[in-house]
Structure formats: structure tokens, C-alpha cells
Amino acid sequence: MMGKAARMGVPFVVSRTSPTSLSVALAEAWNITLVGYARRTSMNVYAGQERVLRDEEVPNDANP
């Protein structure tokens, strides 16, 4: 899946399950943000943490 995302130029991959260690390594090498265990109110960020903002970090004008 990471290979497909890289070929398509997708900068952000989200999954409901946990990624493999190879997926994490590839995401880091290819500068792809990788999120796993995505739920309604939580998620784990495995690579590219600098691209993910917490609710309190989102500027007010970003929320309609």
C-alpha cells in the first residue's frame, strides 16, 4: 500500500489497523504521513507527526 501511495504522490495514508514496521520505515523514507488505529476520536501517528495538528493547534479560521 505504501508503494502505491508513493507512486500516486499521496502524502497521507490512514488505516484503521496498525501498520507493519516496513510500512513505517517506508513512510519515513518517502516522507509520507502514516496514521494507524484511526477511530472517531483518536489515532496513532507513526510517521510524519509534523503534519498532524491537535484540535487545540488548529487556527480558528480553519474551522467553518
PDB file of N, CA and C in Angstrom:
ATOM      1  N   MET A   1       0.823  -1.194   0.000  1.00  0.00           N
ATOM      2  CA  MET A   1       0.000   0.000   0.000  1.00  0.00           C
ATOM      3  C   MET A   1       0.869   1.261   0.000  1.00  0.00           C
ATOM      4  N   MET A   2       1.965   1.242   0.753  1.00  0.00           N
ATOM      5  CA  MET A   2       2.844   2.415   0.799  1.00  0.00           C
ATOM      6  C   MET A   2       3.463   2.669  -0.576  1.00  0.00           C
ATOM      7  N   GLY A   3       3.794   1.600  -1.281  1.00  0.00           N
ATOM      8  CA  GLY A   3       4.350   1.749  -2.622  1.00  0.00           C
ATOM      9  C   GLY A   3       3.355   2.400  -3.568  1.00  0.00           C
ATOM     10  N   LYS A   4       2.108   1.983  -3.494  1.00  0.00           N
ATOM     11  CA  LYS A   4       1.060   2.585  -4.326  1.00  0.00           C
ATOM     12  C   LYS A   4       0.879   4.058  -3.980  1.00  0.00           C
ATOM     13  N   ALA A   5       0.857   4.371  -2.691  1.00  0.00           N
ATOM     14  CA  ALA A   5       0.696   5.765  -2.258  1.00  0.00           C
ATOM     15  C   ALA A   5       1.856   6.618  -2.768  1.00  0.00           C
ATOM     16  N   ALA A   6       3.070   6.099  -2.680  1.00  0.00           N
ATOM     17  CA  ALA A   6       4.246   6.851  -3.142  1.00  0.00           C
ATOM     18  C   ALA A   6       4.184   7.090  -4.650  1.00  0.00           C
ATOM     19  N   ARG A   7       3.798   6.069  -5.411  1.00  0.00           N
ATOM     20  CA  ARG A   7       3.717   6.224  -6.871  1.00  0.00           C
ATOM     21  C   ARG A   7       2.650   7.234  -7.276  1.00  0.00           C
ATOM     22  N   MET A   8       1.572   7.315  -6.490  1.00  0.00           N
ATOM     23  CA  MET A   8       0.481   8.248  -6.792  1.00  0.00           C
ATOM     24  C   MET A   8       0.742   9.639  -6.225  1.00  0.00           C
ATOM     25  N   GLY A   9       1.784   9.777  -5.404  1.00  0.00           N
ATOM     26  CA  GLY A   9       2.088  11.075  -4.812  1.00  0.00           C
ATOM     27  C   GLY A   9       1.189  11.424  -3.631  1.00  0.00           C
ATOM     28  N   VAL A  10       0.619  10.420  -2.982  1.00  0.00           N
ATOM     29  CA  VAL A  10      -0.264  10.642  -1.834  1.00  0.00           C
ATOM     30  C   VAL A  10       0.599  10.938  -0.607  1.00  0.00           C
ATOM     31  N   PRO A  11       0.395  12.093   0.037  1.00  0.00           N
ATOM     32  CA  PRO A  11       1.252  12.459   1.174  1.00  0.00           C
ATOM     33  C   PRO A  11       0.771  11.935   2.517  1.00  0.00           C
ATOM     34  N   PHE A  12      -0.431  11.339   2.585  1.00  0.00           N
ATOM     35  CA  PHE A  12      -1.034  10.995   3.869  1.00  0.00           C
ATOM     36  C   PHE A  12      -1.778   9.676   3.728  1.00  0.00           C
ATOM     37  N   VAL A  13      -1.428   8.663   4.527  1.00  0.00           N
ATOM     38  CA  VAL A  13      -2.101   7.366   4.492  1.00  0.00           C
ATOM     39  C   VAL A  13      -2.684   7.096   5.876  1.00  0.00           C
ATOM     40  N   VAL A  14      -3.969   6.753   5.920  1.00  0.00           N
ATOM     41  CA  VAL A  14      -4.663   6.475   7.176  1.00  0.00           C
ATOM     42  C   VAL A  14      -5.249   5.074   7.115  1.00  0.00           C
ATOM     43  N   SER A  15      -5.095   4.340   8.223  1.00  0.00           N
ATOM     44  CA  SER A  15      -5.615   2.982   8.304  1.00  0.00           C
ATOM     45  C   SER A  15      -6.342   2.780   9.623  1.00  0.00           C
ATOM     46  N   ARG A  16      -7.300   1.873   9.625  1.00  0.00           N
ATOM     47  CA  ARG A  16      -7.984   1.528  10.880  1.00  0.00           C
ATOM     48  C   ARG A  16      -7.177   0.518  11.684  1.00  0.00           C
ATOM     49  N   THR A  17      -6.191  -0.122  11.059  1.00  0.00           N
ATOM     50  CA  THR A  17      -5.378  -1.129  11.736  1.00  0.00           C
ATOM     51  C   THR A  17      -3.960  -0.605  11.943  1.00  0.00           C
ATOM     52  N   SER A  18      -3.116  -1.416  12.540  1.00  0.00           N
ATOM     53  CA  SER A  18      -1.732  -0.989  12.780  1.00  0.00           C
ATOM     54  C   SER A  18      -0.871  -1.276  11.551  1.00  0.00           C
ATOM     55  N   PRO A  19       0.109  -0.416  11.282  1.00  0.00           N
ATOM     56  CA  PRO A  19       0.992  -0.643  10.137  1.00  0.00           C
ATOM     57  C   PRO A  19       2.108  -1.623  10.503  1.00  0.00           C
ATOM     58  N   THR A  20       2.713  -2.202   9.502  1.00  0.00           N
ATOM     59  CA  THR A  20       3.885  -3.055   9.738  1.00  0.00           C
ATOM     60  C   THR A  20       5.101  -2.159   9.949  1.00  0.00           C
ATOM     61  N   SER A  21       6.153  -2.727  10.492  1.00  0.00           N
ATOM     62  CA  SER A  21       7.384  -1.948  10.683  1.00  0.00           C
ATOM     63  C   SER A  21       7.964  -1.527   9.331  1.00  0.00           C
ATOM     64  N   LEU A  22       7.789  -2.346   8.303  1.00  0.00           N
ATOM     65  CA  LEU A  22       8.248  -1.977   6.968  1.00  0.00           C
ATOM     66  C   LEU A  22       7.476  -0.771   6.445  1.00  0.00           C
ATOM     67  N   SER A  23       6.173  -0.744   6.666  1.00  0.00           N
ATOM     68  CA  SER A  23       5.359   0.401   6.234  1.00  0.00           C
ATOM     69  C   SER A  23       5.809   1.691   6.908  1.00  0.00           C
ATOM     70  N   VAL A  24       6.116   1.609   8.195  1.00  0.00           N
ATOM     71  CA  VAL A  24       6.581   2.786   8.921  1.00  0.00           C
ATOM     72  C   VAL A  24       7.914   3.259   8.357  1.00  0.00           C
ATOM     73  N   ALA A  25       8.822   2.335   8.114  1.00  0.00           N
ATOM     74  CA  ALA A  25      10.134   2.686   7.564  1.00  0.00           C
ATOM     75  C   ALA A  25      10.004   3.316   6.178  1.00  0.00           C
ATOM     76  N   LEU A  26       9.142   2.758   5.340  1.00  0.00           N
ATOM     77  CA  LEU A  26       8.945   3.311   4.001  1.00  0.00           C
ATOM     78  C   LEU A  26       8.300   4.697   4.070  1.00  0.00           C
ATOM     79  N   ALA A  27       7.335   4.859   4.950  1.00  0.00           N
ATOM     80  CA  ALA A  27       6.684   6.162   5.098  1.00  0.00           C
ATOM     81  C   ALA A  27       7.701   7.220   5.514  1.00  0.00           C
ATOM     82  N   GLU A  28       8.570   6.886   6.448  1.00  0.00           N
ATOM     83  CA  GLU A  28       9.602   7.828   6.866  1.00  0.00           C
ATOM     84  C   GLU A  28      10.560   8.144   5.721  1.00  0.00           C
ATOM     85  N   ALA A  29      10.981   7.123   4.995  1.00  0.00           N
ATOM     86  CA  ALA A  29      11.929   7.318   3.891  1.00  0.00           C
ATOM     87  C   ALA A  29      11.320   8.123   2.748  1.00  0.00           C
ATOM     88  N   TRP A  30      10.024   7.946   2.516  1.00  0.00           N
ATOM     89  CA  TRP A  30       9.359   8.602   1.392  1.00  0.00           C
ATOM     90  C   TRP A  30       8.583   9.856   1.800  1.00  0.00           C
ATOM     91  N   ASN A  31       8.751  10.275   3.052  1.00  0.00           N
ATOM     92  CA  ASN A  31       8.100  11.493   3.557  1.00  0.00           C
ATOM     93  C   ASN A  31       6.577  11.430   3.413  1.00  0.00           C
ATOM     94  N   ILE A  32       6.008  10.301   3.817  1.00  0.00           N
ATOM     95  CA  ILE A  32       4.558  10.111   3.815  1.00  0.00           C
ATOM     96  C   ILE A  32       4.090  10.060   5.266  1.00  0.00           C
ATOM     97  N   THR A  33       3.052  10.800   5.583  1.00  0.00           N
ATOM     98  CA  THR A  33       2.476  10.741   6.923  1.00  0.00           C
ATOM     99  C   THR A  33       1.658   9.464   7.025  1.00  0.00           C
ATOM    100  N   LEU A  34       1.919   8.685   8.078  1.00  0.00           N
ATOM    101  CA  LEU A  34       1.251   7.392   8.245  1.00  0.00           C
ATOM    102  C   LEU A  34       0.519   7.363   9.579  1.00  0.00           C
ATOM    103  N   VAL A  35      -0.798   7.150   9.502  1.00  0.00           N
ATOM    104  CA  VAL A  35      -1.653   7.102  10.686  1.00  0.00           C
ATOM    105  C   VAL A  35      -2.308   5.733  10.750  1.00  0.00           C
ATOM    106  N   GLY A  36      -2.329   5.145  11.957  1.00  0.00           N
ATOM    107  CA  GLY A  36      -2.975   3.859  12.161  1.00  0.00           C
ATOM    108  C   GLY A  36      -3.923   3.921  13.344  1.00  0.00           C
ATOM    109  N   TYR A  37      -4.694   2.873  13.520  1.00  0.00           N
ATOM    110  CA  TYR A  37      -5.701   2.804  14.582  1.00  0.00           C
ATOM    111  C   TYR A  37      -6.593   4.038  14.574  1.00  0.00           C
ATOM    112  N   ALA A  38      -6.973   4.487  13.405  1.00  0.00           N
ATOM    113  CA  ALA A  38      -7.834   5.676  13.289  1.00  0.00           C
ATOM    114  C   ALA A  38      -9.236   5.335  13.786  1.00  0.00           C
ATOM    115  N   ARG A  39      -9.674   6.116  14.741  1.00  0.00           N
ATOM    116  CA  ARG A  39     -11.010   5.977  15.309  1.00  0.00           C
ATOM    117  C   ARG A  39     -11.692   7.334  15.278  1.00  0.00           C
ATOM    118  N   ARG A  40     -12.912   7.395  15.732  1.00  0.00           N
ATOM    119  CA  ARG A  40     -13.658   8.653  15.739  1.00  0.00           C
ATOM    120  C   ARG A  40     -12.938   9.770  16.484  1.00  0.00           C
ATOM    121  N   THR A  41     -12.386   9.449  17.632  1.00  0.00           N
ATOM    122  CA  THR A  41     -11.783  10.490  18.475  1.00  0.00           C
ATOM    123  C   THR A  41     -10.311  10.265  18.764  1.00  0.00           C
ATOM    124  N   SER A  42      -9.684   9.290  18.115  1.00  0.00           N
ATOM    125  CA  SER A  42      -8.274   9.034  18.381  1.00  0.00           C
ATOM    126  C   SER A  42      -7.595   8.409  17.171  1.00  0.00           C
ATOM    127  N   MET A  43      -6.264   8.461  17.197  1.00  0.00           N
ATOM    128  CA  MET A  43      -5.461   7.841  16.148  1.00  0.00           C
ATOM    129  C   MET A  43      -4.021   7.793  16.627  1.00  0.00           C
ATOM    130  N   ASN A  44      -3.222   6.941  16.025  1.00  0.00           N
ATOM    131  CA  ASN A  44      -1.795   6.870  16.304  1.00  0.00           C
ATOM    132  C   ASN A  44      -1.053   7.333  15.058  1.00  0.00           C
ATOM    133  N   VAL A  45      -0.127   8.260  15.230  1.00  0.00           N
ATOM    134  CA  VAL A  45       0.669   8.754  14.110  1.00  0.00           C
ATOM    135  C   VAL A  45       2.024   8.058  14.161  1.00  0.00           C
ATOM    136  N   TYR A  46       2.356   7.327  13.104  1.00  0.00           N
ATOM    137  CA  TYR A  46       3.580   6.541  13.066  1.00  0.00           C
ATOM    138  C   TYR A  46       4.707   7.227  12.301  1.00  0.00           C
ATOM    139  N   ALA A  47       4.379   8.108  11.378  1.00  0.00           N
ATOM    140  CA  ALA A  47       5.383   8.836  10.606  1.00  0.00           C
ATOM    141  C   ALA A  47       4.776  10.165  10.173  1.00  0.00           C
ATOM    142  N   GLY A  48       5.605  11.195  10.110  1.00  0.00           N
ATOM    143  CA  GLY A  48       5.138  12.499   9.657  1.00  0.00           C
ATOM    144  C   GLY A  48       4.335  13.266  10.689  1.00  0.00           C
ATOM    145  N   GLN A  49       4.696  13.127  11.948  1.00  0.00           N
ATOM    146  CA  GLN A  49       3.957  13.775  13.032  1.00  0.00           C
ATOM    147  C   GLN A  49       3.841  15.286  12.840  1.00  0.00           C
ATOM    148  N   GLU A  50       4.811  15.885  12.175  1.00  0.00           N
ATOM    149  CA  GLU A  50       4.799  17.341  11.988  1.00  0.00           C
ATOM    150  C   GLU A  50       3.642  17.817  11.107  1.00  0.00           C
ATOM    151  N   ARG A  51       3.010  16.921  10.365  1.00  0.00           N
ATOM    152  CA  ARG A  51       1.881  17.307   9.509  1.00  0.00           C
ATOM    153  C   ARG A  51       0.534  17.217  10.206  1.00  0.00           C
ATOM    154  N   VAL A  52       0.509  16.664  11.409  1.00  0.00           N
ATOM    155  CA  VAL A  52      -0.752  16.427  12.110  1.00  0.00           C
ATOM    156  C   VAL A  52      -0.898  17.437  13.242  1.00  0.00           C
ATOM    157  N   LEU A  53      -2.009  18.173  13.239  1.00  0.00           N
ATOM    158  CA  LEU A  53      -2.282  19.146  14.284  1.00  0.00           C
ATOM    159  C   LEU A  53      -3.303  18.594  15.264  1.00  0.00           C
ATOM    160  N   ARG A  54      -3.131  18.933  16.525  1.00  0.00           N
ATOM    161  CA  ARG A  54      -4.135  18.601  17.535  1.00  0.00           C
ATOM    162  C   ARG A  54      -5.245  19.631  17.441  1.00  0.00           C
ATOM    163  N   ASP A  55      -6.408  19.328  17.984  1.00  0.00           N
ATOM    164  CA  ASP A  55      -7.533  20.257  17.957  1.00  0.00           C
ATOM    165  C   ASP A  55      -7.157  21.639  18.455  1.00  0.00           C
ATOM    166  N   GLU A  56      -6.430  21.700  19.559  1.00  0.00           N
ATOM    167  CA  GLU A  56      -6.077  22.998  20.124  1.00  0.00           C
ATOM    168  C   GLU A  56      -5.039  23.747  19.287  1.00  0.00           C
ATOM    169  N   GLU A  57      -4.417  23.080  18.310  1.00  0.00           N
ATOM    170  CA  GLU A  57      -3.427  23.720  17.444  1.00  0.00           C
ATOM    171  C   GLU A  57      -4.014  24.238  16.139  1.00  0.00           C
ATOM    172  N   VAL A  58      -5.252  23.905  15.839  1.00  0.00           N
ATOM    173  CA  VAL A  58      -5.881  24.324  14.592  1.00  0.00           C
ATOM    174  C   VAL A  58      -6.302  25.783  14.706  1.00  0.00           C
ATOM    175  N   PRO A  59      -5.887  26.625  13.753  1.00  0.00           N
ATOM    176  CA  PRO A  59      -6.289  28.028  13.795  1.00  0.00           C
ATOM    177  C   PRO A  59      -7.810  28.172  13.731  1.00  0.00           C
ATOM    178  N   ASN A  60      -8.363  29.188  14.397  1.00  0.00           N
ATOM    179  CA  ASN A  60      -9.803  29.389  14.427  1.00  0.00           C
ATOM    180  C   ASN A  60     -10.422  29.532  13.044  1.00  0.00           C
ATOM    181  N   ASP A  61      -9.708  30.160  12.121  1.00  0.00           N
ATOM    182  CA  ASP A  61     -10.274  30.348  10.777  1.00  0.00           C
ATOM    183  C   ASP A  61     -10.282  29.071   9.950  1.00  0.00           C
ATOM    184  N   ALA A  62      -9.693  27.987  10.461  1.00  0.00           N
ATOM    185  CA  ALA A  62      -9.688  26.710   9.742  1.00  0.00           C
ATOM    186  C   ALA A  62     -10.966  25.928   9.995  1.00  0.00           C
ATOM    187  N   ASN A  63     -11.698  26.241  11.037  1.00  0.00           N
ATOM    188  CA  ASN A  63     -12.951  25.543  11.353  1.00  0.00           C
ATOM    189  C   ASN A  63     -14.141  26.381  10.881  1.00  0.00           C
ATOM    190  N   PRO A  64     -14.940  25.843   9.936  1.00  0.00           N
ATOM    191  CA  PRO A  64     -16.090  26.627   9.439  1.00  0.00           C
ATOM    192  C   PRO A  64     -17.184  26.783  10.467  1.00  0.00           C
TER     193      PRO A  64
END
